[in-house]
Every structure is written in structure tokens, then in C-alpha cells.
Amino acid sequence: MTTVKIQDKMEMVGFIRSIGTECRFVSMVTETEVKMRKTGNPFVGAVKRSRRNGLVNINFVTAVEKRLKELTGKATEYVAGSTWYEHTMTEDGRPLPLCVHKKDNRKFYIQYFPHRTLGRNEYFLNGRRLTETEVTQMKTFITADNRPEHKPAVITLAMDSIRELRARKVAMLNDTVSKIASHLSSQPALV
């Protein structure tokens, strides 16, 4: 395994572009803000740190059609709706796992289909790790996933959320500021 420490998120963009169009597993360490209701929530701004793996370059339409056939017993044609992002493409028009925001072409994302979480998720608020009791309380503010049964889980994750990405025997370590560390730096200094 070759390890590369990056200083600029555009290096990660280039690496994801280099993964190509083959379906393959990737492993990541990510830091993402927890999506939850805000009203009366003392955990707003909590960050989840996860070690996970998943697949890139899966054809979403084909996956939905396969799942619909499993559920209904008959072949169904599926047409994908519009999204807020678009895939970058190879010269011959094949989609890459690297996506770009339709309204801001400076915002890049990796699209992957989650397979499993490796180990336990950790949760932080203002740079402090939450206790098990606090995590249980925080989870009461998280809304249920309303994804239809026939659609596979797919995540489009911002470059800034990726702390480490492993693919093709290369580990890219994101050495830019983490969401956990940035929450610490935004706190007022104690006197």
C-alpha cells in the first residue's frame, strides 16, 4: 500500500478521477455533520467520524431495475430523476465516481454505494467526543430514512468530508483541517 498525504483537496479530486469506471471497493474515513432536526436540539453541529467501505461505479438505474425485478417478479424500466449534481465523464462519455455540483463547478463529491461501517462510529460536538448516553439522546433528533425499498442506498460525499480514501492499493490522507478540529478552532478561548 502506497500512502500519500495531500495538502489540497484538488489532489483528492484527481485521485478519484484516476479510479476510472470499473466497479470497485473503496475504504474511507469520513467526518460529516450529523443531519437532524434543529428545534430544541442541544447536539446541533455534531460531527460523525466513520470508517466505512463501499462500491464506486455502480449503475444506479440498473441497480433499481434489478431490485424492482426481485420485488415484483417482472422486468421494469426505470428512468432516473434529476439530481443537484452531475457525474464527470471520461472522454468516451462514461461516468466517473467523481461528481460536481450543477450550480457550482468548484464543489466536488464522490458517489459511492455504502457496503458497511468498519468499527464503531464516533460522534463529536465542539471537538469533544460524545458519551454513549449523549449519542443515544442525539439519535432521537435524527429523522428516519424515507428511501423507497426499491432504491439502493447511495451517498454523494463532499471532498472536505473525506479524511482518508483507499483504492487501488493507494491511501490518500487528507491533511487539510478536519471538521472536528475546525469546531475546536471556532470555539472562544478560555481565559
C-alpha atoms as a PDB file:
ATOM      1  CA  MET A   1       0.000   0.000   0.000  1.00  0.00           C
ATOM      2  CA  THR A   2       1.372   3.395  -1.018  1.00  0.00           C
ATOM      3  CA  THR A   3       0.398   6.278   1.295  1.00  0.00           C
ATOM      4  CA  VAL A   4       0.173   9.855   0.029  1.00  0.00           C
ATOM      5  CA  LYS A   5      -0.558  12.848   2.255  1.00  0.00           C
ATOM      6  CA  ILE A   6      -2.366  15.620   0.388  1.00  0.00           C
ATOM      7  CA  GLN A   7      -2.402  19.330   1.166  1.00  0.00           C
ATOM      8  CA  ASP A   8      -5.083  20.434  -1.323  1.00  0.00           C
ATOM      9  CA  LYS A   9      -8.498  18.871  -1.934  1.00  0.00           C
ATOM     10  CA  MET A  10      -7.905  19.075  -5.691  1.00  0.00           C
ATOM     11  CA  GLU A  11      -5.352  16.284  -5.242  1.00  0.00           C
ATOM     12  CA  MET A  12      -8.187  14.103  -3.906  1.00  0.00           C
ATOM     13  CA  VAL A  13     -10.320  15.131  -6.911  1.00  0.00           C
ATOM     14  CA  GLY A  14      -7.550  13.947  -9.230  1.00  0.00           C
ATOM     15  CA  PHE A  15      -7.198  10.663  -7.359  1.00  0.00           C
ATOM     16  CA  ILE A  16     -10.932   9.933  -7.565  1.00  0.00           C
ATOM     17  CA  ARG A  17     -10.865  10.767 -11.257  1.00  0.00           C
ATOM     18  CA  SER A  18      -7.991   8.284 -11.676  1.00  0.00           C
ATOM     19  CA  ILE A  19     -10.042   5.433 -10.147  1.00  0.00           C
ATOM     20  CA  GLY A  20     -11.689   5.089 -13.542  1.00  0.00           C
ATOM     21  CA  THR A  21     -15.004   3.451 -14.422  1.00  0.00           C
ATOM     22  CA  GLU A  22     -14.586  -0.087 -13.087  1.00  0.00           C
ATOM     23  CA  CYS A  23     -16.821  -1.130 -10.204  1.00  0.00           C
ATOM     24  CA  ARG A  24     -14.515  -1.461  -7.196  1.00  0.00           C
ATOM     25  CA  PHE A  25     -14.416  -1.239  -3.420  1.00  0.00           C
ATOM     26  CA  VAL A  26     -13.065   1.857  -1.706  1.00  0.00           C
ATOM     27  CA  SER A  27     -12.463   2.405   2.006  1.00  0.00           C
ATOM     28  CA  MET A  28     -12.805   5.794   3.644  1.00  0.00           C
ATOM     29  CA  VAL A  29     -12.516   7.618   6.914  1.00  0.00           C
ATOM     30  CA  THR A  30     -15.085  10.408   6.828  1.00  0.00           C
ATOM     31  CA  GLU A  31     -16.178  13.290   9.028  1.00  0.00           C
ATOM     32  CA  THR A  32     -19.695  14.515   8.322  1.00  0.00           C
ATOM     33  CA  GLU A  33     -22.061  16.786  10.172  1.00  0.00           C
ATOM     34  CA  VAL A  34     -24.983  14.766  11.537  1.00  0.00           C
ATOM     35  CA  LYS A  35     -28.244  15.622   9.762  1.00  0.00           C
ATOM     36  CA  MET A  36     -31.025  16.014  12.307  1.00  0.00           C
ATOM     37  CA  ARG A  37     -33.867  18.217  13.492  1.00  0.00           C
ATOM     38  CA  LYS A  38     -32.657  21.503  14.960  1.00  0.00           C
ATOM     39  CA  THR A  39     -35.579  22.620  17.141  1.00  0.00           C
ATOM     40  CA  GLY A  40     -34.728  22.069  20.807  1.00  0.00           C
ATOM     41  CA  ASN A  41     -31.653  20.062  19.841  1.00  0.00           C
ATOM     42  CA  PRO A  42     -28.543  20.595  22.014  1.00  0.00           C
ATOM     43  CA  PHE A  43     -26.498  18.435  19.596  1.00  0.00           C
ATOM     44  CA  VAL A  44     -26.741  20.698  16.519  1.00  0.00           C
ATOM     45  CA  GLY A  45     -23.338  20.768  14.838  1.00  0.00           C
ATOM     46  CA  ALA A  46     -22.349  17.251  15.946  1.00  0.00           C
ATOM     47  CA  VAL A  47     -19.828  15.525  13.673  1.00  0.00           C
ATOM     48  CA  LYS A  48     -19.784  11.791  12.927  1.00  0.00           C
ATOM     49  CA  ARG A  49     -16.431  10.152  12.233  1.00  0.00           C
ATOM     50  CA  SER A  50     -16.786   6.845  10.369  1.00  0.00           C
ATOM     51  CA  ARG A  51     -14.549   4.232   8.853  1.00  0.00           C
ATOM     52  CA  ARG A  52     -16.529   2.661   6.032  1.00  0.00           C
ATOM     53  CA  ASN A  53     -16.294   0.915   2.745  1.00  0.00           C
ATOM     54  CA  GLY A  54     -18.454   0.798  -0.322  1.00  0.00           C
ATOM     55  CA  LEU A  55     -18.535   0.437  -4.064  1.00  0.00           C
ATOM     56  CA  VAL A  56     -17.973   3.089  -6.699  1.00  0.00           C
ATOM     57  CA  ASN A  57     -19.108   2.983 -10.311  1.00  0.00           C
ATOM     58  CA  ILE A  58     -22.350   1.097  -9.813  1.00  0.00           C
ATOM     59  CA  ASN A  59     -25.035   1.907 -12.351  1.00  0.00           C
ATOM     60  CA  PHE A  60     -27.915   3.275 -10.242  1.00  0.00           C
ATOM     61  CA  VAL A  61     -30.596   2.684 -12.904  1.00  0.00           C
ATOM     62  CA  THR A  62     -29.521  -0.938 -13.390  1.00  0.00           C
ATOM     63  CA  ALA A  63     -29.458  -1.472  -9.597  1.00  0.00           C
ATOM     64  CA  VAL A  64     -33.025  -0.101  -9.262  1.00  0.00           C
ATOM     65  CA  GLU A  65     -34.296  -2.234 -12.157  1.00  0.00           C
ATOM     66  CA  LYS A  66     -32.692  -5.356 -10.646  1.00  0.00           C
ATOM     67  CA  ARG A  67     -34.230  -4.623  -7.230  1.00  0.00           C
ATOM     68  CA  LEU A  68     -37.667  -3.956  -8.773  1.00  0.00           C
ATOM     69  CA  LYS A  69     -37.477  -7.315 -10.547  1.00  0.00           C
ATOM     70  CA  GLU A  70     -36.603  -9.024  -7.229  1.00  0.00           C
ATOM     71  CA  LEU A  71     -39.556  -7.328  -5.514  1.00  0.00           C
ATOM     72  CA  THR A  72     -42.202  -7.689  -8.229  1.00  0.00           C
ATOM     73  CA  GLY A  73     -41.020 -10.668 -10.264  1.00  0.00           C
ATOM     74  CA  LYS A  74     -41.165  -8.744 -13.540  1.00  0.00           C
ATOM     75  CA  ALA A  75     -38.778  -6.561 -15.522  1.00  0.00           C
ATOM     76  CA  THR A  76     -39.454  -2.845 -15.144  1.00  0.00           C
ATOM     77  CA  GLU A  77     -37.776   0.029 -16.941  1.00  0.00           C
ATOM     78  CA  TYR A  78     -36.648   2.774 -14.572  1.00  0.00           C
ATOM     79  CA  VAL A  79     -35.832   6.349 -15.537  1.00  0.00           C
ATOM     80  CA  ALA A  80     -33.750   8.299 -13.019  1.00  0.00           C
ATOM     81  CA  GLY A  81     -34.940  11.725 -11.947  1.00  0.00           C
ATOM     82  CA  SER A  82     -32.859  14.874 -11.866  1.00  0.00           C
ATOM     83  CA  THR A  83     -30.187  15.498  -9.234  1.00  0.00           C
ATOM     84  CA  TRP A  84     -28.342  18.527  -7.884  1.00  0.00           C
ATOM     85  CA  TYR A  85     -25.042  17.104  -9.165  1.00  0.00           C
ATOM     86  CA  GLU A  86     -23.695  15.554 -12.342  1.00  0.00           C
ATOM     87  CA  HIS A  87     -21.025  12.933 -12.907  1.00  0.00           C
ATOM     88  CA  THR A  88     -17.775  13.895 -14.534  1.00  0.00           C
ATOM     89  CA  MET A  89     -17.196  11.784 -17.635  1.00  0.00           C
ATOM     90  CA  THR A  90     -14.412  10.011 -19.464  1.00  0.00           C
ATOM     91  CA  GLU A  91     -13.507  11.125 -22.979  1.00  0.00           C
ATOM     92  CA  ASP A  92     -15.774   8.372 -24.352  1.00  0.00           C
ATOM     93  CA  GLY A  93     -18.777   9.507 -22.254  1.00  0.00           C
ATOM     94  CA  ARG A  94     -18.715   7.023 -19.357  1.00  0.00           C
ATOM     95  CA  PRO A  95     -19.490   8.341 -15.841  1.00  0.00           C
ATOM     96  CA  LEU A  96     -16.805   8.518 -13.166  1.00  0.00           C
ATOM     97  CA  PRO A  97     -17.468   8.316  -9.397  1.00  0.00           C
ATOM     98  CA  LEU A  98     -16.447  11.993  -9.210  1.00  0.00           C
ATOM     99  CA  CYS A  99     -19.436  14.343  -9.223  1.00  0.00           C
ATOM    100  CA  VAL A 100     -19.657  18.127  -9.452  1.00  0.00           C
ATOM    101  CA  HIS A 101     -22.397  20.436  -8.148  1.00  0.00           C
ATOM    102  CA  LYS A 102     -24.564  21.674 -11.047  1.00  0.00           C
ATOM    103  CA  LYS A 103     -24.674  25.252  -9.723  1.00  0.00           C
ATOM    104  CA  ASP A 104     -21.059  25.482  -8.511  1.00  0.00           C
ATOM    105  CA  ASN A 105     -18.445  23.615 -10.539  1.00  0.00           C
ATOM    106  CA  ARG A 106     -15.868  24.163  -7.770  1.00  0.00           C
ATOM    107  CA  LYS A 107     -17.709  21.730  -5.441  1.00  0.00           C
ATOM    108  CA  PHE A 108     -16.690  18.103  -5.938  1.00  0.00           C
ATOM    109  CA  TYR A 109     -18.121  14.908  -4.449  1.00  0.00           C
ATOM    110  CA  ILE A 110     -17.518  11.171  -4.561  1.00  0.00           C
ATOM    111  CA  GLN A 111     -20.539   8.976  -5.181  1.00  0.00           C
ATOM    112  CA  TYR A 112     -20.468   5.533  -3.631  1.00  0.00           C
ATOM    113  CA  PHE A 113     -22.822   2.797  -2.573  1.00  0.00           C
ATOM    114  CA  PRO A 114     -22.191   2.013   1.119  1.00  0.00           C
ATOM    115  CA  HIS A 115     -21.400  -1.575   1.971  1.00  0.00           C
ATOM    116  CA  ARG A 116     -20.621  -1.480   5.686  1.00  0.00           C
ATOM    117  CA  THR A 117     -19.205   0.565   8.516  1.00  0.00           C
ATOM    118  CA  LEU A 118     -15.869  -0.718   9.773  1.00  0.00           C
ATOM    119  CA  GLY A 119     -15.792  -0.447  13.561  1.00  0.00           C
ATOM    120  CA  ARG A 120     -17.903   1.980  15.554  1.00  0.00           C
ATOM    121  CA  ASN A 121     -18.865   5.484  14.565  1.00  0.00           C
ATOM    122  CA  GLU A 122     -17.598   8.231  16.839  1.00  0.00           C
ATOM    123  CA  TYR A 123     -19.540  11.437  17.456  1.00  0.00           C
ATOM    124  CA  PHE A 124     -18.080  14.801  18.432  1.00  0.00           C
ATOM    125  CA  LEU A 125     -19.596  18.118  19.448  1.00  0.00           C
ATOM    126  CA  ASN A 126     -17.383  21.210  19.635  1.00  0.00           C
ATOM    127  CA  GLY A 127     -14.336  18.943  19.396  1.00  0.00           C
ATOM    128  CA  ARG A 128     -15.363  16.772  22.371  1.00  0.00           C
ATOM    129  CA  ARG A 129     -16.237  13.111  21.894  1.00  0.00           C
ATOM    130  CA  LEU A 130     -19.832  12.385  22.930  1.00  0.00           C
ATOM    131  CA  THR A 131     -20.549   9.709  25.531  1.00  0.00           C
ATOM    132  CA  GLU A 132     -22.740   6.694  24.699  1.00  0.00           C
ATOM    133  CA  THR A 133     -25.601   8.307  26.646  1.00  0.00           C
ATOM    134  CA  GLU A 134     -25.240  11.554  24.700  1.00  0.00           C
ATOM    135  CA  VAL A 135     -25.161   9.647  21.382  1.00  0.00           C
ATOM    136  CA  THR A 136     -28.380   7.848  22.340  1.00  0.00           C
ATOM    137  CA  GLN A 137     -30.013  11.206  23.163  1.00  0.00           C
ATOM    138  CA  MET A 138     -28.698  12.790  19.947  1.00  0.00           C
ATOM    139  CA  LYS A 139     -30.113   9.970  17.813  1.00  0.00           C
ATOM    140  CA  THR A 140     -33.659  10.893  18.937  1.00  0.00           C
ATOM    141  CA  PHE A 141     -33.274  14.032  16.781  1.00  0.00           C
ATOM    142  CA  ILE A 142     -32.317  12.098  13.624  1.00  0.00           C
ATOM    143  CA  THR A 143     -35.210  11.575  11.228  1.00  0.00           C
ATOM    144  CA  ALA A 144     -35.920   8.191   9.663  1.00  0.00           C
ATOM    145  CA  ASP A 145     -34.613   7.309   6.199  1.00  0.00           C
ATOM    146  CA  ASN A 146     -37.561   7.513   3.805  1.00  0.00           C
ATOM    147  CA  ARG A 147     -35.745   5.906   0.863  1.00  0.00           C
ATOM    148  CA  PRO A 148     -38.074   3.630  -1.129  1.00  0.00           C
ATOM    149  CA  GLU A 149     -37.326  -0.091  -0.803  1.00  0.00           C
ATOM    150  CA  HIS A 150     -36.503  -0.452  -4.498  1.00  0.00           C
ATOM    151  CA  LYS A 151     -33.753   2.180  -4.456  1.00  0.00           C
ATOM    152  CA  PRO A 152     -30.267   1.256  -3.219  1.00  0.00           C
ATOM    153  CA  ALA A 153     -28.539   3.478  -0.688  1.00  0.00           C
ATOM    154  CA  VAL A 154     -26.197   5.865  -2.459  1.00  0.00           C
ATOM    155  CA  ILE A 155     -24.109   8.605  -0.857  1.00  0.00           C
ATOM    156  CA  THR A 156     -22.676  11.650  -2.581  1.00  0.00           C
ATOM    157  CA  LEU A 157     -19.987  12.845  -0.185  1.00  0.00           C
ATOM    158  CA  ALA A 158     -18.136  16.199  -0.316  1.00  0.00           C
ATOM    159  CA  MET A 159     -14.337  16.192  -0.692  1.00  0.00           C
ATOM    160  CA  ASP A 160     -13.954  18.100   2.587  1.00  0.00           C
ATOM    161  CA  SER A 161     -15.604  15.200   4.438  1.00  0.00           C
ATOM    162  CA  ILE A 162     -13.027  12.627   3.341  1.00  0.00           C
ATOM    163  CA  ARG A 163     -10.117  12.281   5.780  1.00  0.00           C
ATOM    164  CA  GLU A 164      -8.703   9.158   4.111  1.00  0.00           C
ATOM    165  CA  LEU A 165      -9.535   7.302   0.898  1.00  0.00           C
ATOM    166  CA  ARG A 166      -8.093   3.919  -0.037  1.00  0.00           C
ATOM    167  CA  ALA A 167      -8.411   2.491  -3.536  1.00  0.00           C
ATOM    168  CA  ARG A 168      -6.156   0.607  -5.950  1.00  0.00           C
ATOM    169  CA  LYS A 169      -3.523  -0.045  -3.236  1.00  0.00           C
ATOM    170  CA  VAL A 170      -3.145   3.689  -2.572  1.00  0.00           C
ATOM    171  CA  ALA A 171      -4.129   5.514   0.636  1.00  0.00           C
ATOM    172  CA  MET A 172      -4.777   9.238   0.211  1.00  0.00           C
ATOM    173  CA  LEU A 173      -4.608  11.034   3.560  1.00  0.00           C
ATOM    174  CA  ASN A 174      -6.358  14.403   3.623  1.00  0.00           C
ATOM    175  CA  ASP A 175      -4.085  16.654   5.651  1.00  0.00           C
ATOM    176  CA  THR A 176      -6.375  19.677   5.450  1.00  0.00           C
ATOM    177  CA  VAL A 177      -8.307  20.793   8.547  1.00  0.00           C
ATOM    178  CA  SER A 178     -10.829  18.241   9.824  1.00  0.00           C
ATOM    179  CA  LYS A 179     -14.408  19.120  10.761  1.00  0.00           C
ATOM    180  CA  ILE A 180     -13.665  18.062  14.349  1.00  0.00           C
ATOM    181  CA  ALA A 181     -10.564  20.256  14.561  1.00  0.00           C
ATOM    182  CA  SER A 182     -12.325  23.181  12.881  1.00  0.00           C
ATOM    183  CA  HIS A 183     -15.060  23.052  15.525  1.00  0.00           C
ATOM    184  CA  LEU A 184     -12.344  23.318  18.166  1.00  0.00           C
ATOM    185  CA  SER A 185     -10.733  26.305  16.470  1.00  0.00           C
ATOM    186  CA  SER A 186     -14.071  28.141  16.218  1.00  0.00           C
ATOM    187  CA  GLN A 187     -14.620  27.967  19.989  1.00  0.00           C
ATOM    188  CA  PRO A 188     -13.765  31.033  22.084  1.00  0.00           C
ATOM    189  CA  ALA A 189     -10.517  30.728  24.016  1.00  0.00           C
ATOM    190  CA  LEU A 190     -10.803  30.027  27.747  1.00  0.00           C
ATOM    191  CA  VAL A 191      -9.250  32.685  29.933  1.00  0.00           C
END
